[in-house]
Amino acid sequence: MASIRRLKKDLKNLVSDLISECETYMKFHPETDRKKTMKIIDDLENKSKALFYEINHYRDKGNVKTRDYYQKIVARVKKELLPLMDKIGDLEK
């Protein structure tokens, strides 16, 4: 992790790419159920807001080392957002 700015930028890009993927899927597959796709988008937005809040409020956590704190956030990104990528892939099934 190079910097907090880079972490925020990467998270923003990942979320926007995933939302764009969902919107593209809805555009090219209008016959499918939009509720599933909209639920994925809502989950993405809610989880990204929570992650951004954690990134921006490091000072509130007390005696936690900075590097360890942000590594835990990166692990949460992998744990929470990557399964949503699988859900996007499973929409066609």
Protein backbone atom coordinates (compact mmCIF):
# COMPACT_ATOMS: atom_id res chain seq x y z
CA MET A 1 0.00 0.00 0.00
CA ALA A 2 1.64 3.20 -1.17
CA SER A 3 -0.69 5.79 0.32
CA ILE A 4 -4.15 6.44 1.64
CA ARG A 5 -4.94 8.45 -1.47
CA ARG A 6 -4.03 5.48 -3.64
CA LEU A 7 -6.18 3.15 -1.52
CA LYS A 8 -9.19 5.47 -1.88
CA LYS A 9 -8.62 5.81 -5.60
CA ASP A 10 -8.33 2.05 -6.11
CA LEU A 11 -11.47 1.41 -4.08
CA LYS A 12 -13.40 4.06 -6.00
CA ASN A 13 -12.25 2.62 -9.34
CA LEU A 14 -13.13 -0.94 -8.32
CA VAL A 15 -16.61 0.03 -7.18
CA SER A 16 -17.31 2.16 -10.25
CA ASP A 17 -16.12 -0.66 -12.55
CA LEU A 18 -18.39 -3.16 -10.83
CA ILE A 19 -21.39 -0.83 -10.97
CA SER A 20 -20.67 -0.16 -14.63
CA GLU A 21 -20.55 -3.90 -15.25
CA CYS A 22 -23.97 -4.30 -13.61
CA GLU A 23 -25.46 -1.47 -15.66
CA THR A 24 -24.01 -2.91 -18.86
CA TYR A 25 -25.48 -6.29 -18.01
CA MET A 26 -28.93 -4.73 -17.48
CA LYS A 27 -28.67 -2.87 -20.78
CA PHE A 28 -27.76 -5.93 -22.85
CA HIS A 29 -30.05 -8.36 -21.02
CA PRO A 30 -33.34 -6.48 -20.55
CA GLU A 31 -35.30 -9.71 -20.20
CA THR A 32 -33.61 -10.65 -16.92
CA ASP A 33 -34.73 -9.79 -13.42
CA ARG A 34 -33.45 -6.31 -12.58
CA LYS A 35 -33.98 -6.82 -8.83
CA LYS A 36 -30.93 -9.06 -8.50
CA THR A 37 -28.72 -6.58 -10.31
CA MET A 38 -30.05 -3.63 -8.34
CA LYS A 39 -29.45 -5.54 -5.10
CA ILE A 40 -25.82 -6.07 -6.11
CA ILE A 41 -25.46 -2.37 -6.88
CA ASP A 42 -26.99 -1.45 -3.51
CA ASP A 43 -24.62 -3.85 -1.74
CA LEU A 44 -21.67 -2.32 -3.58
CA GLU A 45 -22.67 1.18 -2.59
CA ASN A 46 -23.31 0.32 1.05
CA LYS A 47 -20.09 -1.64 1.48
CA SER A 48 -18.01 1.00 -0.27
CA LYS A 49 -19.47 3.73 1.95
CA ALA A 50 -18.59 1.71 5.03
CA LEU A 51 -15.05 1.12 3.75
CA PHE A 52 -14.55 4.80 2.90
CA TYR A 53 -15.76 5.69 6.38
CA GLU A 54 -13.19 3.32 7.89
CA ILE A 55 -10.43 4.77 5.71
CA ASN A 56 -11.31 8.36 6.62
CA HIS A 57 -11.68 7.78 10.37
CA TYR A 58 -8.40 6.16 11.24
CA ARG A 59 -7.67 8.60 14.04
CA ASP A 60 -10.71 7.40 16.01
CA LYS A 61 -9.27 3.90 16.47
CA GLY A 62 -6.78 4.62 19.24
CA ASN A 63 -3.45 2.80 19.47
CA VAL A 64 -3.61 0.79 16.27
CA LYS A 65 -0.58 0.93 13.99
CA THR A 66 -1.35 2.73 10.75
CA ARG A 67 0.03 0.04 8.46
CA ASP A 68 -1.84 -2.76 10.23
CA TYR A 69 -5.06 -0.77 10.19
CA TYR A 70 -4.98 -0.17 6.45
CA GLN A 71 -3.91 -3.73 5.69
CA LYS A 72 -7.04 -4.88 7.50
CA ILE A 73 -9.10 -2.56 5.31
CA VAL A 74 -7.50 -4.03 2.17
CA ALA A 75 -8.35 -7.50 3.48
CA ARG A 76 -11.96 -6.36 4.03
CA VAL A 77 -12.12 -5.09 0.46
CA LYS A 78 -11.06 -8.50 -0.78
CA LYS A 79 -13.45 -10.27 1.58
CA GLU A 80 -16.51 -8.10 0.92
CA LEU A 81 -16.27 -6.84 -2.65
CA LEU A 82 -14.75 -9.78 -4.49
CA PRO A 83 -17.73 -12.08 -3.73
CA LEU A 84 -19.92 -9.45 -5.35
CA MET A 85 -17.87 -9.89 -8.51
CA ASP A 86 -18.84 -13.56 -8.44
CA LYS A 87 -22.50 -12.60 -8.06
CA ILE A 88 -22.21 -10.42 -11.15
CA GLY A 89 -20.76 -13.37 -13.04
CA ASP A 90 -23.59 -15.61 -11.83
CA LEU A 91 -26.32 -13.30 -13.14
CA GLU A 92 -26.46 -15.13 -16.47
CA LYS A 93 -27.09 -18.49 -14.83
